[in-house]
Amino acid sequence: MRIFWSVAVGGALGCVSRYYLTAFIQQRAGAGFPAGTLIINITGSFLLGFLMRYALQSGVVSAETRTLLTSGFCGGYTTFSTYSYETAMMLEDREYGRAALYASASVVLALAGTLVGFAAADRVLSLRQGA
């Protein structure tokens, strides 16, 4: 049950942090480019990489705290951090083909999923308007 609450509390903090930091950055950067999201993805990836390496190699971070900070906070802050961490681990293990496949498939298929989601929403909206 402690792991559950670690993920829940960390996720809530990560989501709120992402929301306000993205808005803060985007207000200053303007609407022409999603700088807020880009910075969230970069900082979340950095944070997850740092936390996982430090926690797993130092042994001073409890499982609950590690879960709160990684799956919880980083997962709520950005799931892109998990993607980049997993890709980095494959690269460190010299699994270059798997890393390239995973990285490219993640980007292409996630983008395709978003476009299919757009199409599905458009379809539902058109059905609602016709009803």
C-alpha atoms as a PDB file:
ATOM      1  CA  MET A   1       0.000   0.000   0.000  1.00  0.00           C
ATOM      2  CA  ARG A   2       2.962   2.345   0.632  1.00  0.00           C
ATOM      3  CA  ILE A   3       4.092   1.938  -2.989  1.00  0.00           C
ATOM      4  CA  PHE A   4       0.572   2.815  -4.156  1.00  0.00           C
ATOM      5  CA  TRP A   5       0.605   6.072  -2.178  1.00  0.00           C
ATOM      6  CA  SER A   6       4.156   6.821  -3.286  1.00  0.00           C
ATOM      7  CA  VAL A   7       3.065   6.664  -6.932  1.00  0.00           C
ATOM      8  CA  ALA A   8      -0.161   8.582  -6.255  1.00  0.00           C
ATOM      9  CA  VAL A   9       1.436  11.443  -4.315  1.00  0.00           C
ATOM     10  CA  GLY A  10       4.436  11.677  -6.636  1.00  0.00           C
ATOM     11  CA  GLY A  11       2.195  11.583  -9.700  1.00  0.00           C
ATOM     12  CA  ALA A  12      -0.015  14.361  -8.369  1.00  0.00           C
ATOM     13  CA  LEU A  13       3.002  16.539  -7.628  1.00  0.00           C
ATOM     14  CA  GLY A  14       4.490  15.801 -11.039  1.00  0.00           C
ATOM     15  CA  CYS A  15       1.263  16.615 -12.888  1.00  0.00           C
ATOM     16  CA  VAL A  16       0.777  19.897 -11.073  1.00  0.00           C
ATOM     17  CA  SER A  17       4.436  20.818 -11.624  1.00  0.00           C
ATOM     18  CA  ARG A  18       4.154  20.037 -15.331  1.00  0.00           C
ATOM     19  CA  TYR A  19       0.997  22.096 -15.708  1.00  0.00           C
ATOM     20  CA  TYR A  20       2.296  25.243 -14.040  1.00  0.00           C
ATOM     21  CA  LEU A  21       5.846  25.081 -15.382  1.00  0.00           C
ATOM     22  CA  THR A  22       4.628  24.510 -18.943  1.00  0.00           C
ATOM     23  CA  ALA A  23       2.259  27.481 -18.673  1.00  0.00           C
ATOM     24  CA  PHE A  24       5.006  29.655 -17.162  1.00  0.00           C
ATOM     25  CA  ILE A  25       7.473  28.811 -19.923  1.00  0.00           C
ATOM     26  CA  GLN A  26       4.934  29.017 -22.736  1.00  0.00           C
ATOM     27  CA  GLN A  27       3.742  32.466 -21.660  1.00  0.00           C
ATOM     28  CA  ARG A  28       7.307  33.739 -21.997  1.00  0.00           C
ATOM     29  CA  ALA A  29       8.179  31.832 -25.180  1.00  0.00           C
ATOM     30  CA  GLY A  30       5.014  32.599 -27.133  1.00  0.00           C
ATOM     31  CA  ALA A  31       2.663  30.295 -28.959  1.00  0.00           C
ATOM     32  CA  GLY A  32       4.779  29.621 -32.047  1.00  0.00           C
ATOM     33  CA  PHE A  33       6.640  26.576 -30.678  1.00  0.00           C
ATOM     34  CA  PRO A  34       5.822  24.186 -27.795  1.00  0.00           C
ATOM     35  CA  ALA A  35       8.872  25.251 -25.769  1.00  0.00           C
ATOM     36  CA  GLY A  36       7.144  24.437 -22.487  1.00  0.00           C
ATOM     37  CA  THR A  37       6.565  20.818 -23.443  1.00  0.00           C
ATOM     38  CA  LEU A  38      10.070  20.494 -24.864  1.00  0.00           C
ATOM     39  CA  ILE A  39      11.634  21.794 -21.652  1.00  0.00           C
ATOM     40  CA  ILE A  40       9.404  19.522 -19.552  1.00  0.00           C
ATOM     41  CA  ASN A  41      10.502  16.503 -21.623  1.00  0.00           C
ATOM     42  CA  ILE A  42      14.180  17.429 -21.356  1.00  0.00           C
ATOM     43  CA  THR A  43      14.123  18.214 -17.631  1.00  0.00           C
ATOM     44  CA  GLY A  44      11.998  15.153 -16.862  1.00  0.00           C
ATOM     45  CA  SER A  45      14.390  12.938 -18.783  1.00  0.00           C
ATOM     46  CA  PHE A  46      17.353  14.452 -16.965  1.00  0.00           C
ATOM     47  CA  LEU A  47      15.646  14.048 -13.610  1.00  0.00           C
ATOM     48  CA  LEU A  48      14.667  10.415 -14.188  1.00  0.00           C
ATOM     49  CA  GLY A  49      18.146   9.548 -15.424  1.00  0.00           C
ATOM     50  CA  PHE A  50      19.754  11.182 -12.416  1.00  0.00           C
ATOM     51  CA  LEU A  51      17.346   9.691  -9.881  1.00  0.00           C
ATOM     52  CA  MET A  52      17.502   6.149 -11.230  1.00  0.00           C
ATOM     53  CA  ARG A  53      21.272   6.092 -11.517  1.00  0.00           C
ATOM     54  CA  TYR A  54      21.778   7.655  -8.093  1.00  0.00           C
ATOM     55  CA  ALA A  55      19.115   5.611  -6.324  1.00  0.00           C
ATOM     56  CA  LEU A  56      20.149   2.268  -7.781  1.00  0.00           C
ATOM     57  CA  GLN A  57      23.883   2.766  -7.361  1.00  0.00           C
ATOM     58  CA  SER A  58      23.989   4.552  -4.001  1.00  0.00           C
ATOM     59  CA  GLY A  59      21.614   2.331  -2.068  1.00  0.00           C
ATOM     60  CA  VAL A  60      20.585   5.274   0.142  1.00  0.00           C
ATOM     61  CA  VAL A  61      17.143   5.792  -1.387  1.00  0.00           C
ATOM     62  CA  SER A  62      14.319   3.560  -0.176  1.00  0.00           C
ATOM     63  CA  ALA A  63      12.085   1.757  -2.658  1.00  0.00           C
ATOM     64  CA  GLU A  64       9.139   3.940  -1.622  1.00  0.00           C
ATOM     65  CA  THR A  65      11.081   7.174  -2.111  1.00  0.00           C
ATOM     66  CA  ARG A  66      12.497   5.981  -5.429  1.00  0.00           C
ATOM     67  CA  THR A  67       8.991   5.054  -6.582  1.00  0.00           C
ATOM     68  CA  LEU A  68       7.590   8.400  -5.428  1.00  0.00           C
ATOM     69  CA  LEU A  69      10.282  10.301  -7.339  1.00  0.00           C
ATOM     70  CA  THR A  70      10.488   8.154 -10.493  1.00  0.00           C
ATOM     71  CA  SER A  71       7.228   6.380 -11.366  1.00  0.00           C
ATOM     72  CA  GLY A  72       5.273   8.956  -9.394  1.00  0.00           C
ATOM     73  CA  PHE A  73       6.767  12.419  -9.882  1.00  0.00           C
ATOM     74  CA  CYS A  74       8.630  11.835 -13.154  1.00  0.00           C
ATOM     75  CA  GLY A  75       5.749   9.769 -14.533  1.00  0.00           C
ATOM     76  CA  GLY A  76       3.314  12.580 -13.738  1.00  0.00           C
ATOM     77  CA  TYR A  77       5.749  15.237 -14.903  1.00  0.00           C
ATOM     78  CA  THR A  78       6.411  13.498 -18.222  1.00  0.00           C
ATOM     79  CA  THR A  79       6.280   9.936 -19.506  1.00  0.00           C
ATOM     80  CA  PHE A  80       8.857  11.013 -22.055  1.00  0.00           C
ATOM     81  CA  SER A  81      11.399  10.610 -19.272  1.00  0.00           C
ATOM     82  CA  THR A  82      10.673   6.870 -19.120  1.00  0.00           C
ATOM     83  CA  TYR A  83      11.035   6.571 -22.891  1.00  0.00           C
ATOM     84  CA  SER A  84      14.388   8.352 -22.877  1.00  0.00           C
ATOM     85  CA  TYR A  85      15.642   6.371 -19.868  1.00  0.00           C
ATOM     86  CA  GLU A  86      14.779   3.043 -21.490  1.00  0.00           C
ATOM     87  CA  THR A  87      16.415   4.114 -24.748  1.00  0.00           C
ATOM     88  CA  ALA A  88      19.527   5.298 -22.886  1.00  0.00           C
ATOM     89  CA  MET A  89      19.772   1.955 -21.065  1.00  0.00           C
ATOM     90  CA  MET A  90      19.688   0.101 -24.393  1.00  0.00           C
ATOM     91  CA  LEU A  91      22.423   2.389 -25.729  1.00  0.00           C
ATOM     92  CA  GLU A  92      24.557   1.822 -22.626  1.00  0.00           C
ATOM     93  CA  ASP A  93      24.094  -1.920 -23.115  1.00  0.00           C
ATOM     94  CA  ARG A  94      25.259  -1.462 -26.724  1.00  0.00           C
ATOM     95  CA  GLU A  95      21.889  -2.621 -28.047  1.00  0.00           C
ATOM     96  CA  TYR A  96      21.986  -0.022 -30.807  1.00  0.00           C
ATOM     97  CA  GLY A  97      19.504  -1.717 -33.117  1.00  0.00           C
ATOM     98  CA  ARG A  98      16.923  -2.172 -30.366  1.00  0.00           C
ATOM     99  CA  ALA A  99      17.446   1.393 -29.184  1.00  0.00           C
ATOM    100  CA  ALA A 100      16.989   2.784 -32.695  1.00  0.00           C
ATOM    101  CA  LEU A 101      13.882   0.660 -33.250  1.00  0.00           C
ATOM    102  CA  TYR A 102      12.376   1.651 -29.909  1.00  0.00           C
ATOM    103  CA  ALA A 103      13.182   5.349 -30.315  1.00  0.00           C
ATOM    104  CA  SER A 104      11.882   5.634 -33.847  1.00  0.00           C
ATOM    105  CA  ALA A 105       8.834   3.427 -33.258  1.00  0.00           C
ATOM    106  CA  SER A 106       7.933   5.401 -30.139  1.00  0.00           C
ATOM    107  CA  VAL A 107       8.039   8.720 -31.962  1.00  0.00           C
ATOM    108  CA  VAL A 108       6.347   7.562 -35.163  1.00  0.00           C
ATOM    109  CA  LEU A 109       3.684   5.408 -33.512  1.00  0.00           C
ATOM    110  CA  ALA A 110       2.905   7.963 -30.798  1.00  0.00           C
ATOM    111  CA  LEU A 111       2.459  10.610 -33.475  1.00  0.00           C
ATOM    112  CA  ALA A 112       0.283   8.210 -35.479  1.00  0.00           C
ATOM    113  CA  GLY A 113      -1.751   7.485 -32.345  1.00  0.00           C
ATOM    114  CA  THR A 114      -2.309  11.202 -31.840  1.00  0.00           C
ATOM    115  CA  LEU A 115      -3.439  11.620 -35.450  1.00  0.00           C
ATOM    116  CA  VAL A 116      -5.799   8.635 -35.168  1.00  0.00           C
ATOM    117  CA  GLY A 117      -7.111  10.160 -31.929  1.00  0.00           C
ATOM    118  CA  PHE A 118      -7.763  13.401 -33.804  1.00  0.00           C
ATOM    119  CA  ALA A 119      -9.673  11.498 -36.482  1.00  0.00           C
ATOM    120  CA  ALA A 120     -11.710   9.555 -33.914  1.00  0.00           C
ATOM    121  CA  ALA A 121     -12.595  12.738 -32.037  1.00  0.00           C
ATOM    122  CA  ASP A 122     -13.578  14.434 -35.300  1.00  0.00           C
ATOM    123  CA  ARG A 123     -15.834  11.473 -36.101  1.00  0.00           C
ATOM    124  CA  VAL A 124     -17.498  11.545 -32.680  1.00  0.00           C
ATOM    125  CA  LEU A 125     -17.964  15.314 -32.939  1.00  0.00           C
ATOM    126  CA  SER A 126     -19.560  15.009 -36.367  1.00  0.00           C
ATOM    127  CA  LEU A 127     -21.893  12.284 -35.074  1.00  0.00           C
ATOM    128  CA  ARG A 128     -22.900  14.488 -32.137  1.00  0.00           C
ATOM    129  CA  GLN A 129     -23.616  17.403 -34.442  1.00  0.00           C
ATOM    130  CA  GLY A 130     -25.758  15.186 -36.662  1.00  0.00           C
ATOM    131  CA  ALA A 131     -27.790  13.859 -33.727  1.00  0.00           C
END
